[in-house]
Structures are given as C-alpha cells and as structure tokens.
Amino acid sequence: MHVSPPGARRAAALLLALAGASLCAGAARAHVTLETAQARTGSGYKAVLRVPHGCKGAATIRLSVQIPDGVIAVKPQPKPGWQIEVTHGKYAQAYAFHGTRVEEGVRTVTWSGGRLPDAYYDEFAFSSQLAATLPPGTRLYFPVVQTCEQGVERWIEIPAAGKARSDYEQPAPVLQLLAPESPR
C-alpha cells in the first residue's frame, strides 16, 4: 500500500480545487456579461456587452438590451454589418444631465442584421451616463435577449433577495455602483 506524504495530499487537493474553480469560471464566462462590472454614480459609463457564443451552436443574428432606470444619455456604438434600433420612453423620474432636466431617453438598444457565428466572440457597446442620484451599492441589471438563427437565449434573470447571479441559468448582466469620486 502506498501512502502519500501530507504535502502531496495538500497539493493534490489544491489542484482539484483550482480545476473546479476554472470549470465554474468557464461556465460563468458562457453568459452575456458586461466587460466593466463596476462604475461610479454620476459618471460616464461605456457598457460593453460580451457575447461569447450563439444559441446551442447557431449564429447570433440579433442582440437587444434593456436599459435600466438611472442610465441616461445612451448612445449605441455602430457595428459594421449590423443595424441599430433604439426605442425611447419615459424614465421613472427626471434626471439632471449637463444642466438640463431629462425625462425620457433610450430604453432599449437592438443590434440586428449581422451574423456572429457560434465559434466566435464579439462585443456590443454603448456610452451612457449614470445618474448622480443612484445610490452607491445599487446593482443595475441590463436584461439581454440574444436571438440566433435557431433559438433564443434570454439573459434576463434578476436575482431575488438572498440569491446570487450564480443561482440562475440565464442571469442578466449586472453593474455594481460605487460611490462618486471625492472632489480634490
């Protein structure tokens, strides 16, 4: 009978733990996510939606994101080969933006007409402003519907109280709000 020394057992346990963590990280990367998951209230924010795959092997042909309350002055970035459609609507409240009161703006952005094969990765972006009235610590969710040549993935699940994104199969991309920078 062969007995491993205690150090070898610890090293093996560490390798197994790292392998398990990388498998979990791989699963998390399979979701549509935001490249930058934290931003300061009252600041500009470039949202970059990372799309790592299609729908069960089928190419992505449309991506639509819902803009949460408090995200204003949205301007989508054009993508060669894709058309952009925006829908406008009223905000839940009025916001100040460059000394002007804004009560409505972009509520959804949709890119369509292109083709992103399942074997490739791409990013879809828009610039915006995070309202200064948003409380630090808030999580803003950006529900995304990914339409493919065959099938649809709905990255729209928002965690209930006491739950985490990892508890869901199709979590919405999330942005964690930080306190504004202190004036110098």
N, C-alpha and C. Protein backbone atom coordinates (compact mmCIF):
# COMPACT_ATOMS: atom_id res chain seq x y z
N MET A 1 0.85 -1.17 0.00
CA MET A 1 0.00 0.00 0.00
C MET A 1 0.90 1.24 0.00
N HIS A 2 0.54 2.22 -0.85
CA HIS A 2 1.32 3.46 -0.96
C HIS A 2 0.59 4.57 -0.24
N VAL A 3 1.29 5.29 0.62
CA VAL A 3 0.71 6.41 1.36
C VAL A 3 1.43 7.69 0.91
N SER A 4 0.65 8.69 0.48
CA SER A 4 1.23 9.96 0.05
C SER A 4 1.59 10.80 1.26
N PRO A 5 2.70 11.54 1.16
CA PRO A 5 3.03 12.45 2.26
C PRO A 5 1.99 13.55 2.36
N PRO A 6 1.80 14.16 3.56
CA PRO A 6 0.78 15.19 3.75
C PRO A 6 0.91 16.34 2.76
N GLY A 7 2.11 16.78 2.43
CA GLY A 7 2.30 17.88 1.47
C GLY A 7 1.75 17.52 0.09
N ALA A 8 1.94 16.30 -0.34
CA ALA A 8 1.45 15.86 -1.65
C ALA A 8 -0.07 15.85 -1.66
N ARG A 9 -0.68 15.42 -0.55
CA ARG A 9 -2.16 15.41 -0.47
C ARG A 9 -2.70 16.83 -0.55
N ARG A 10 -2.05 17.78 0.15
CA ARG A 10 -2.49 19.17 0.10
C ARG A 10 -2.35 19.73 -1.32
N ALA A 11 -1.25 19.41 -1.98
CA ALA A 11 -1.03 19.89 -3.34
C ALA A 11 -2.11 19.32 -4.28
N ALA A 12 -2.42 18.04 -4.12
CA ALA A 12 -3.45 17.42 -4.95
C ALA A 12 -4.81 18.06 -4.69
N ALA A 13 -5.11 18.32 -3.41
CA ALA A 13 -6.39 18.96 -3.07
C ALA A 13 -6.46 20.36 -3.67
N LEU A 14 -5.32 21.09 -3.63
CA LEU A 14 -5.29 22.43 -4.20
C LEU A 14 -5.51 22.38 -5.71
N LEU A 15 -4.87 21.42 -6.38
CA LEU A 15 -5.05 21.28 -7.83
C LEU A 15 -6.50 20.95 -8.17
N LEU A 16 -7.12 20.08 -7.41
CA LEU A 16 -8.54 19.75 -7.64
C LEU A 16 -9.42 20.96 -7.43
N ALA A 17 -9.15 21.75 -6.38
CA ALA A 17 -9.94 22.95 -6.12
C ALA A 17 -9.78 23.96 -7.25
N LEU A 18 -8.53 24.13 -7.74
CA LEU A 18 -8.30 25.06 -8.85
C LEU A 18 -9.00 24.58 -10.12
N ALA A 19 -8.97 23.30 -10.38
CA ALA A 19 -9.65 22.75 -11.56
C ALA A 19 -11.15 22.98 -11.46
N GLY A 20 -11.72 22.77 -10.29
CA GLY A 20 -13.15 23.02 -10.09
C GLY A 20 -13.49 24.48 -10.27
N ALA A 21 -12.64 25.36 -9.75
CA ALA A 21 -12.89 26.80 -9.89
C ALA A 21 -12.82 27.22 -11.35
N SER A 22 -11.88 26.65 -12.11
CA SER A 22 -11.78 27.04 -13.51
C SER A 22 -12.98 26.53 -14.30
N LEU A 23 -13.52 25.37 -13.92
CA LEU A 23 -14.75 24.89 -14.58
C LEU A 23 -15.91 25.83 -14.29
N CYS A 24 -16.02 26.30 -13.04
CA CYS A 24 -17.09 27.24 -12.69
C CYS A 24 -16.89 28.55 -13.42
N ALA A 25 -15.66 29.03 -13.50
CA ALA A 25 -15.39 30.28 -14.20
C ALA A 25 -15.72 30.15 -15.67
N GLY A 26 -15.43 28.98 -16.26
CA GLY A 26 -15.77 28.76 -17.67
C GLY A 26 -17.26 28.84 -17.88
N ALA A 27 -18.04 28.29 -16.96
CA ALA A 27 -19.49 28.35 -17.08
C ALA A 27 -19.97 29.78 -16.96
N ALA A 28 -19.35 30.55 -16.06
CA ALA A 28 -19.77 31.94 -15.89
C ALA A 28 -19.45 32.76 -17.13
N ARG A 29 -18.33 32.44 -17.80
CA ARG A 29 -17.96 33.19 -18.99
C ARG A 29 -18.89 32.87 -20.16
N ALA A 30 -19.67 31.83 -20.07
CA ALA A 30 -20.56 31.46 -21.16
C ALA A 30 -21.76 32.39 -21.24
N HIS A 31 -21.99 33.21 -20.24
CA HIS A 31 -23.12 34.13 -20.22
C HIS A 31 -22.76 35.45 -20.90
N VAL A 32 -23.79 36.18 -21.36
CA VAL A 32 -23.57 37.56 -21.81
C VAL A 32 -23.30 38.38 -20.55
N THR A 33 -22.19 39.11 -20.54
CA THR A 33 -21.79 39.87 -19.36
C THR A 33 -21.34 41.28 -19.77
N LEU A 34 -21.16 42.13 -18.79
CA LEU A 34 -20.59 43.45 -19.01
C LEU A 34 -19.08 43.36 -18.79
N GLU A 35 -18.32 43.96 -19.69
CA GLU A 35 -16.86 43.94 -19.56
C GLU A 35 -16.42 44.64 -18.28
N THR A 36 -17.02 45.77 -17.97
CA THR A 36 -16.71 46.51 -16.75
C THR A 36 -17.94 46.41 -15.84
N ALA A 37 -17.78 45.71 -14.73
CA ALA A 37 -18.93 45.40 -13.87
C ALA A 37 -19.09 46.34 -12.69
N GLN A 38 -18.26 47.40 -12.62
CA GLN A 38 -18.38 48.40 -11.55
C GLN A 38 -18.19 49.79 -12.16
N ALA A 39 -18.93 50.76 -11.65
CA ALA A 39 -18.77 52.15 -12.10
C ALA A 39 -19.28 53.07 -11.00
N ARG A 40 -18.87 54.31 -11.07
CA ARG A 40 -19.24 55.30 -10.06
C ARG A 40 -20.52 56.03 -10.46
N THR A 41 -21.40 56.25 -9.50
CA THR A 41 -22.60 57.04 -9.77
C THR A 41 -22.18 58.43 -10.21
N GLY A 42 -22.98 59.03 -11.06
CA GLY A 42 -22.68 60.37 -11.54
C GLY A 42 -21.59 60.44 -12.59
N SER A 43 -21.15 59.28 -13.10
CA SER A 43 -20.06 59.27 -14.08
C SER A 43 -20.54 58.75 -15.43
N GLY A 44 -19.70 58.97 -16.43
CA GLY A 44 -19.94 58.37 -17.72
C GLY A 44 -19.64 56.88 -17.63
N TYR A 45 -20.34 56.08 -18.42
CA TYR A 45 -20.13 54.63 -18.39
C TYR A 45 -20.25 54.08 -19.81
N LYS A 46 -19.19 53.39 -20.24
CA LYS A 46 -19.22 52.70 -21.52
C LYS A 46 -19.57 51.24 -21.22
N ALA A 47 -20.77 50.84 -21.60
CA ALA A 47 -21.21 49.46 -21.40
C ALA A 47 -20.76 48.64 -22.59
N VAL A 48 -20.01 47.58 -22.33
CA VAL A 48 -19.57 46.66 -23.37
C VAL A 48 -20.15 45.29 -23.04
N LEU A 49 -21.13 44.87 -23.83
CA LEU A 49 -21.75 43.55 -23.65
C LEU A 49 -20.90 42.52 -24.38
N ARG A 50 -20.40 41.54 -23.64
CA ARG A 50 -19.57 40.49 -24.21
C ARG A 50 -20.45 39.30 -24.56
N VAL A 51 -20.41 38.88 -25.81
CA VAL A 51 -21.23 37.76 -26.29
C VAL A 51 -20.27 36.63 -26.69
N PRO A 52 -20.13 35.60 -25.83
CA PRO A 52 -19.12 34.57 -26.07
C PRO A 52 -19.56 33.39 -26.94
N HIS A 53 -20.85 33.30 -27.26
CA HIS A 53 -21.32 32.15 -28.04
C HIS A 53 -22.71 32.44 -28.59
N GLY A 54 -23.16 31.56 -29.48
CA GLY A 54 -24.51 31.65 -30.03
C GLY A 54 -25.48 30.85 -29.18
N CYS A 55 -26.49 30.29 -29.84
CA CYS A 55 -27.52 29.51 -29.15
C CYS A 55 -27.38 28.05 -29.58
N LYS A 56 -26.77 27.25 -28.72
CA LYS A 56 -26.60 25.81 -28.98
C LYS A 56 -26.01 25.55 -30.37
N GLY A 57 -24.99 26.32 -30.71
CA GLY A 57 -24.29 26.13 -31.98
C GLY A 57 -24.75 27.05 -33.10
N ALA A 58 -25.88 27.70 -32.95
CA ALA A 58 -26.41 28.58 -34.01
C ALA A 58 -25.85 30.00 -33.86
N ALA A 59 -25.66 30.67 -34.99
CA ALA A 59 -25.11 32.02 -35.00
C ALA A 59 -26.09 33.05 -34.43
N THR A 60 -25.53 34.05 -33.74
CA THR A 60 -26.31 35.18 -33.23
C THR A 60 -26.61 36.13 -34.38
N ILE A 61 -27.88 36.54 -34.49
CA ILE A 61 -28.27 37.47 -35.55
C ILE A 61 -28.93 38.74 -35.00
N ARG A 62 -29.15 38.78 -33.69
CA ARG A 62 -29.79 39.95 -33.08
C ARG A 62 -29.46 39.95 -31.59
N LEU A 63 -29.22 41.16 -31.06
CA LEU A 63 -28.96 41.31 -29.63
C LEU A 63 -29.71 42.55 -29.17
N SER A 64 -30.53 42.40 -28.14
CA SER A 64 -31.33 43.50 -27.63
C SER A 64 -31.10 43.64 -26.13
N VAL A 65 -30.81 44.86 -25.68
CA VAL A 65 -30.56 45.12 -24.26
C VAL A 65 -31.55 46.15 -23.75
N GLN A 66 -32.09 45.88 -22.56
CA GLN A 66 -32.99 46.81 -21.88
C GLN A 66 -32.14 47.70 -20.97
N ILE A 67 -32.38 49.00 -21.06
CA ILE A 67 -31.60 49.97 -20.28
C ILE A 67 -32.31 50.23 -18.95
N PRO A 68 -31.62 50.01 -17.82
CA PRO A 68 -32.27 50.22 -16.52
C PRO A 68 -32.44 51.70 -16.19
N ASP A 69 -33.37 51.98 -15.27
CA ASP A 69 -33.58 53.34 -14.80
C ASP A 69 -32.30 53.88 -14.20
N GLY A 70 -32.03 55.16 -14.47
CA GLY A 70 -30.84 55.80 -13.95
C GLY A 70 -29.67 55.78 -14.92
N VAL A 71 -29.80 55.02 -16.00
CA VAL A 71 -28.78 55.01 -17.05
C VAL A 71 -29.34 55.89 -18.17
N ILE A 72 -28.71 57.05 -18.37
CA ILE A 72 -29.26 58.05 -19.29
C ILE A 72 -28.25 58.41 -20.37
N ALA A 73 -28.70 59.20 -21.33
CA ALA A 73 -27.85 59.70 -22.43
C ALA A 73 -27.17 58.55 -23.18
N VAL A 74 -27.93 57.49 -23.45
CA VAL A 74 -27.40 56.30 -24.10
C VAL A 74 -27.17 56.57 -25.59
N LYS A 75 -25.96 56.20 -26.06
CA LYS A 75 -25.60 56.30 -27.48
C LYS A 75 -24.95 54.98 -27.88
N PRO A 76 -25.65 54.16 -28.70
CA PRO A 76 -25.05 52.88 -29.11
C PRO A 76 -23.91 53.08 -30.10
N GLN A 77 -22.96 52.17 -30.03
CA GLN A 77 -21.83 52.18 -30.95
C GLN A 77 -22.19 51.37 -32.19
N PRO A 78 -22.04 51.96 -33.38
CA PRO A 78 -22.31 51.20 -34.61
C PRO A 78 -21.34 50.04 -34.76
N LYS A 79 -21.82 48.98 -35.42
CA LYS A 79 -21.00 47.81 -35.74
C LYS A 79 -21.14 47.56 -37.23
N PRO A 80 -20.03 47.45 -37.95
CA PRO A 80 -20.13 47.16 -39.37
C PRO A 80 -20.97 45.90 -39.62
N GLY A 81 -21.92 45.99 -40.55
CA GLY A 81 -22.77 44.85 -40.90
C GLY A 81 -24.01 44.70 -40.03
N TRP A 82 -24.15 45.53 -39.01
CA TRP A 82 -25.29 45.46 -38.10
C TRP A 82 -26.06 46.77 -38.15
N GLN A 83 -27.38 46.69 -38.06
CA GLN A 83 -28.21 47.88 -37.93
C GLN A 83 -28.53 48.08 -36.45
N ILE A 84 -28.78 49.34 -36.09
CA ILE A 84 -29.12 49.67 -34.70
C ILE A 84 -30.52 50.24 -34.67
N GLU A 85 -31.30 49.75 -33.72
CA GLU A 85 -32.64 50.29 -33.47
C GLU A 85 -32.71 50.64 -31.99
N VAL A 86 -33.22 51.83 -31.70
CA VAL A 86 -33.41 52.21 -30.30
C VAL A 86 -34.89 52.51 -30.09
N THR A 87 -35.37 52.21 -28.90
CA THR A 87 -36.71 52.63 -28.52
C THR A 87 -36.54 53.64 -27.39
N HIS A 88 -37.37 54.66 -27.43
CA HIS A 88 -37.35 55.71 -26.42
C HIS A 88 -38.57 55.58 -25.52
N GLY A 89 -38.45 56.08 -24.33
CA GLY A 89 -39.56 56.07 -23.40
C GLY A 89 -39.28 56.97 -22.21
N LYS A 90 -40.28 57.09 -21.38
CA LYS A 90 -40.16 57.93 -20.16
C LYS A 90 -39.30 57.21 -19.13
N TYR A 91 -38.54 58.02 -18.40
CA TYR A 91 -37.80 57.50 -17.26
C TYR A 91 -38.76 57.44 -16.06
N ALA A 92 -38.42 56.66 -15.05
CA ALA A 92 -39.22 56.58 -13.83
C ALA A 92 -39.23 57.91 -13.10
N GLN A 93 -38.19 58.70 -13.30
CA GLN A 93 -38.10 60.04 -12.70
C GLN A 93 -37.25 60.90 -13.63
N ALA A 94 -37.26 62.20 -13.41
CA ALA A 94 -36.43 63.11 -14.20
C ALA A 94 -35.01 63.11 -13.63
N TYR A 95 -34.04 63.31 -14.52
CA TYR A 95 -32.64 63.36 -14.13
C TYR A 95 -32.02 64.63 -14.66
N ALA A 96 -30.97 65.10 -14.01
CA ALA A 96 -30.20 66.24 -14.50
C ALA A 96 -29.07 65.72 -15.36
N PHE A 97 -28.89 66.33 -16.54
CA PHE A 97 -27.81 65.95 -17.43
C PHE A 97 -27.26 67.22 -18.09
N HIS A 98 -26.05 67.58 -17.74
CA HIS A 98 -25.41 68.79 -18.25
C HIS A 98 -26.30 70.02 -18.08
N GLY A 99 -26.88 70.15 -16.90
CA GLY A 99 -27.70 71.31 -16.58
C GLY A 99 -29.10 71.29 -17.17
N THR A 100 -29.46 70.20 -17.80
CA THR A 100 -30.79 70.07 -18.41
C THR A 100 -31.56 68.97 -17.70
N ARG A 101 -32.84 69.16 -17.58
CA ARG A 101 -33.72 68.14 -16.99
C ARG A 101 -34.15 67.19 -18.11
N VAL A 102 -33.86 65.89 -17.94
CA VAL A 102 -34.27 64.90 -18.94
C VAL A 102 -35.29 63.96 -18.32
N GLU A 103 -36.37 63.75 -19.02
CA GLU A 103 -37.46 62.90 -18.52
C GLU A 103 -37.66 61.65 -19.35
N GLU A 104 -36.99 61.57 -20.49
CA GLU A 104 -37.11 60.37 -21.32
C GLU A 104 -35.82 60.16 -22.08
N GLY A 105 -35.67 58.97 -22.60
CA GLY A 105 -34.46 58.64 -23.35
C GLY A 105 -34.53 57.22 -23.86
N VAL A 106 -33.38 56.70 -24.24
CA VAL A 106 -33.29 55.35 -24.80
C VAL A 106 -33.62 54.32 -23.73
N ARG A 107 -34.54 53.42 -24.03
CA ARG A 107 -34.95 52.36 -23.10
C ARG A 107 -34.45 50.98 -23.55
N THR A 108 -34.31 50.79 -24.88
CA THR A 108 -33.72 49.55 -25.40
C THR A 108 -32.83 49.88 -26.59
N VAL A 109 -31.81 49.06 -26.75
CA VAL A 109 -30.94 49.14 -27.92
C VAL A 109 -30.92 47.74 -28.52
N THR A 110 -31.09 47.67 -29.85
CA THR A 110 -31.08 46.40 -30.56
C THR A 110 -30.14 46.48 -31.75
N TRP A 111 -29.22 45.52 -31.83
CA TRP A 111 -28.36 45.35 -32.99
C TRP A 111 -28.90 44.15 -33.76
N SER A 112 -29.09 44.28 -35.08
CA SER A 112 -29.60 43.17 -35.88
C SER A 112 -29.04 43.25 -37.29
N GLY A 113 -29.28 42.19 -38.06
CA GLY A 113 -28.87 42.16 -39.46
C GLY A 113 -27.47 41.62 -39.68
N GLY A 114 -26.69 41.48 -38.63
CA GLY A 114 -25.36 40.89 -38.76
C GLY A 114 -25.42 39.41 -38.46
N ARG A 115 -24.26 38.79 -38.43
CA ARG A 115 -24.20 37.37 -38.13
C ARG A 115 -22.92 37.10 -37.35
N LEU A 116 -23.08 36.62 -36.11
CA LEU A 116 -21.96 36.26 -35.27
C LEU A 116 -21.97 34.75 -35.09
N PRO A 117 -21.11 34.02 -35.84
CA PRO A 117 -21.08 32.56 -35.71
C PRO A 117 -20.79 32.13 -34.28
N ASP A 118 -21.31 30.98 -33.90
CA ASP A 118 -21.14 30.43 -32.56
C ASP A 118 -19.67 30.26 -32.19
N ALA A 119 -18.81 30.01 -33.15
CA ALA A 119 -17.39 29.77 -32.88
C ALA A 119 -16.63 31.06 -32.59
N TYR A 120 -17.30 32.23 -32.70
CA TYR A 120 -16.62 33.50 -32.49
C TYR A 120 -17.24 34.27 -31.33
N TYR A 121 -16.48 35.24 -30.88
CA TYR A 121 -16.84 36.10 -29.75
C TYR A 121 -16.92 37.53 -30.29
N ASP A 122 -17.82 38.34 -29.73
CA ASP A 122 -17.87 39.75 -30.12
C ASP A 122 -18.39 40.59 -28.96
N GLU A 123 -18.34 41.89 -29.15
CA GLU A 123 -18.79 42.85 -28.14
C GLU A 123 -19.72 43.86 -28.79
N PHE A 124 -20.73 44.29 -28.02
CA PHE A 124 -21.69 45.28 -28.45
C PHE A 124 -21.66 46.38 -27.39
N ALA A 125 -21.50 47.63 -27.80
CA ALA A 125 -21.24 48.69 -26.82
C ALA A 125 -22.15 49.90 -26.99
N PHE A 126 -22.30 50.62 -25.87
CA PHE A 126 -22.96 51.92 -25.90
C PHE A 126 -22.37 52.79 -24.79
N SER A 127 -22.38 54.11 -25.02
CA SER A 127 -21.95 55.03 -23.98
C SER A 127 -23.20 55.52 -23.24
N SER A 128 -23.01 55.95 -22.01
CA SER A 128 -24.14 56.40 -21.20
C SER A 128 -23.62 57.25 -20.04
N GLN A 129 -24.56 57.75 -19.28
CA GLN A 129 -24.26 58.49 -18.06
C GLN A 129 -25.03 57.81 -16.93
N LEU A 130 -24.37 57.61 -15.79
CA LEU A 130 -25.03 57.05 -14.61
C LEU A 130 -25.50 58.22 -13.76
N ALA A 131 -26.79 58.29 -13.51
CA ALA A 131 -27.36 59.41 -12.76
C ALA A 131 -26.69 59.55 -11.39
N ALA A 132 -26.44 60.78 -11.01
CA ALA A 132 -25.81 61.06 -9.72
C ALA A 132 -26.71 60.70 -8.55
N THR A 133 -28.01 60.57 -8.80
CA THR A 133 -28.97 60.24 -7.73
C THR A 133 -29.03 58.75 -7.43
N LEU A 134 -28.34 57.92 -8.20
CA LEU A 134 -28.33 56.48 -7.94
C LEU A 134 -27.50 56.21 -6.69
N PRO A 135 -28.04 55.43 -5.75
CA PRO A 135 -27.29 55.17 -4.52
C PRO A 135 -26.13 54.19 -4.73
N PRO A 136 -24.95 54.51 -4.20
CA PRO A 136 -23.84 53.56 -4.24
C PRO A 136 -24.27 52.24 -3.60
N GLY A 137 -23.75 51.16 -4.13
CA GLY A 137 -24.12 49.83 -3.63
C GLY A 137 -25.25 49.21 -4.43
N THR A 138 -25.93 50.01 -5.22
CA THR A 138 -27.03 49.51 -6.05
C THR A 138 -26.46 48.63 -7.16
N ARG A 139 -27.22 47.62 -7.54
CA ARG A 139 -26.89 46.81 -8.70
C ARG A 139 -27.90 47.13 -9.79
N LEU A 140 -27.40 47.48 -10.96
CA LEU A 140 -28.25 47.73 -12.11
C LEU A 140 -28.16 46.53 -13.06
N TYR A 141 -29.31 46.02 -13.44
CA TYR A 141 -29.36 44.85 -14.33
C TYR A 141 -29.74 45.29 -15.73
N PHE A 142 -29.05 44.71 -16.72
CA PHE A 142 -29.26 45.00 -18.13
C PHE A 142 -29.75 43.73 -18.82
N PRO A 143 -31.05 43.43 -18.78
CA PRO A 143 -31.56 42.22 -19.42
C PRO A 143 -31.26 42.23 -20.92
N VAL A 144 -30.79 41.09 -21.42
CA VAL A 144 -30.39 40.95 -22.82
C VAL A 144 -31.12 39.75 -23.43
N VAL A 145 -31.65 39.95 -24.64
CA VAL A 145 -32.22 38.84 -25.41
C VAL A 145 -31.33 38.64 -26.63
N GLN A 146 -30.78 37.44 -26.74
CA GLN A 146 -29.88 37.07 -27.83
C GLN A 146 -30.65 36.15 -28.77
N THR A 147 -30.92 36.62 -29.98
CA THR A 147 -31.65 35.83 -30.96
C THR A 147 -30.65 35.22 -31.93
N CYS A 148 -30.83 33.94 -32.21
CA CYS A 148 -29.93 33.24 -33.11
C CYS A 148 -30.70 32.71 -34.31
N GLU A 149 -29.96 32.19 -35.28
CA GLU A 149 -30.62 31.61 -36.46
C GLU A 149 -31.58 30.51 -36.05
N GLN A 150 -31.25 29.81 -35.00
CA GLN A 150 -32.13 28.80 -34.43
C GLN A 150 -32.06 28.95 -32.91
N GLY A 151 -33.11 29.47 -32.34
CA GLY A 151 -33.18 29.58 -30.89
C GLY A 151 -32.96 30.99 -30.37
N VAL A 152 -33.24 31.13 -29.09
CA VAL A 152 -33.12 32.41 -28.38
C VAL A 152 -32.57 32.12 -26.99
N GLU A 153 -31.65 32.97 -26.56
CA GLU A 153 -31.16 32.92 -25.18
C GLU A 153 -31.63 34.20 -24.51
N ARG A 154 -32.29 34.07 -23.38
CA ARG A 154 -32.81 35.23 -22.64
C ARG A 154 -32.00 35.41 -21.35
N TRP A 155 -31.05 36.34 -21.39
CA TRP A 155 -30.20 36.64 -20.25
C TRP A 155 -30.90 37.71 -19.43
N ILE A 156 -32.01 37.33 -18.78
CA ILE A 156 -32.91 38.30 -18.17
C ILE A 156 -33.18 38.05 -16.69
N GLU A 157 -32.60 37.00 -16.14
CA GLU A 157 -32.91 36.65 -14.75
C GLU A 157 -32.21 37.60 -13.78
N ILE A 158 -33.01 38.20 -12.90
CA ILE A 158 -32.52 39.12 -11.88
C ILE A 158 -32.68 38.44 -10.53
N PRO A 159 -31.60 38.32 -9.77
CA PRO A 159 -31.67 37.58 -8.51
C PRO A 159 -32.69 38.15 -7.52
N ALA A 160 -33.44 37.26 -6.91
CA ALA A 160 -34.36 37.63 -5.83
C ALA A 160 -33.52 37.90 -4.57
N ALA A 161 -34.12 38.55 -3.59
CA ALA A 161 -33.43 38.83 -2.33
C ALA A 161 -32.84 37.54 -1.76
N GLY A 162 -31.59 37.60 -1.35
CA GLY A 162 -30.93 36.45 -0.76
C GLY A 162 -30.34 35.48 -1.77
N LYS A 163 -30.48 35.76 -3.04
CA LYS A 163 -29.95 34.89 -4.10
C LYS A 163 -28.78 35.58 -4.79
N ALA A 164 -27.99 34.81 -5.51
CA ALA A 164 -26.85 35.34 -6.27
C ALA A 164 -27.06 35.04 -7.76
N ARG A 165 -26.33 35.76 -8.61
CA ARG A 165 -26.41 35.52 -10.05
C ARG A 165 -26.11 34.05 -10.37
N SER A 166 -25.17 33.48 -9.63
CA SER A 166 -24.77 32.09 -9.88
C SER A 166 -25.89 31.09 -9.59
N ASP A 167 -26.96 31.53 -8.94
CA ASP A 167 -28.10 30.65 -8.67
C ASP A 167 -29.00 30.51 -9.90
N TYR A 168 -28.70 31.24 -10.97
CA TYR A 168 -29.57 31.28 -12.14
C TYR A 168 -28.84 30.78 -13.39
N GLU A 169 -29.59 30.19 -14.29
CA GLU A 169 -29.01 29.68 -15.54
C GLU A 169 -28.78 30.78 -16.56
N GLN A 170 -29.64 31.81 -16.58
CA GLN A 170 -29.51 32.88 -17.57
C GLN A 170 -29.60 34.25 -16.89
N PRO A 171 -28.58 34.58 -16.07
CA PRO A 171 -28.62 35.85 -15.35
C PRO A 171 -28.42 37.05 -16.27
N ALA A 172 -29.07 38.14 -15.93
CA ALA A 172 -28.88 39.40 -16.67
C ALA A 172 -27.51 39.97 -16.32
N PRO A 173 -26.84 40.61 -17.29
CA PRO A 173 -25.60 41.31 -16.96
C PRO A 173 -25.87 42.35 -15.87
N VAL A 174 -24.90 42.55 -14.98
CA VAL A 174 -25.11 43.43 -13.82
C VAL A 174 -23.96 44.41 -13.67
N LEU A 175 -24.29 45.61 -13.22
CA LEU A 175 -23.33 46.67 -12.92
C LEU A 175 -23.48 47.05 -11.46
N GLN A 176 -22.39 46.99 -10.71
CA GLN A 176 -22.35 47.39 -9.30
C GLN A 176 -21.95 48.85 -9.23
N LEU A 177 -22.78 49.67 -8.56
CA LEU A 177 -22.48 51.10 -8.46
C LEU A 177 -21.62 51.41 -7.25
N LEU A 178 -20.61 52.21 -7.48
CA LEU A 178 -19.69 52.65 -6.44
C LEU A 178 -19.99 54.13 -6.12
N ALA A 179 -19.50 54.57 -4.97
CA ALA A 179 -19.66 55.97 -4.59
C ALA A 179 -18.93 56.87 -5.58
N PRO A 180 -19.42 58.09 -5.78
CA PRO A 180 -18.72 59.01 -6.67
C PRO A 180 -17.33 59.33 -6.12
N GLU A 181 -16.43 59.74 -7.00
CA GLU A 181 -15.09 60.12 -6.55
C GLU A 181 -15.19 61.36 -5.67
N SER A 182 -14.35 61.41 -4.66
CA SER A 182 -14.31 62.58 -3.78
C SER A 182 -13.66 63.74 -4.53
N PRO A 183 -14.20 64.96 -4.36
CA PRO A 183 -13.56 66.11 -5.01
C PRO A 183 -12.18 66.34 -4.40
N ARG A 184 -11.27 66.79 -5.20
CA ARG A 184 -9.88 67.01 -4.71
C ARG A 184 -9.67 68.43 -4.35
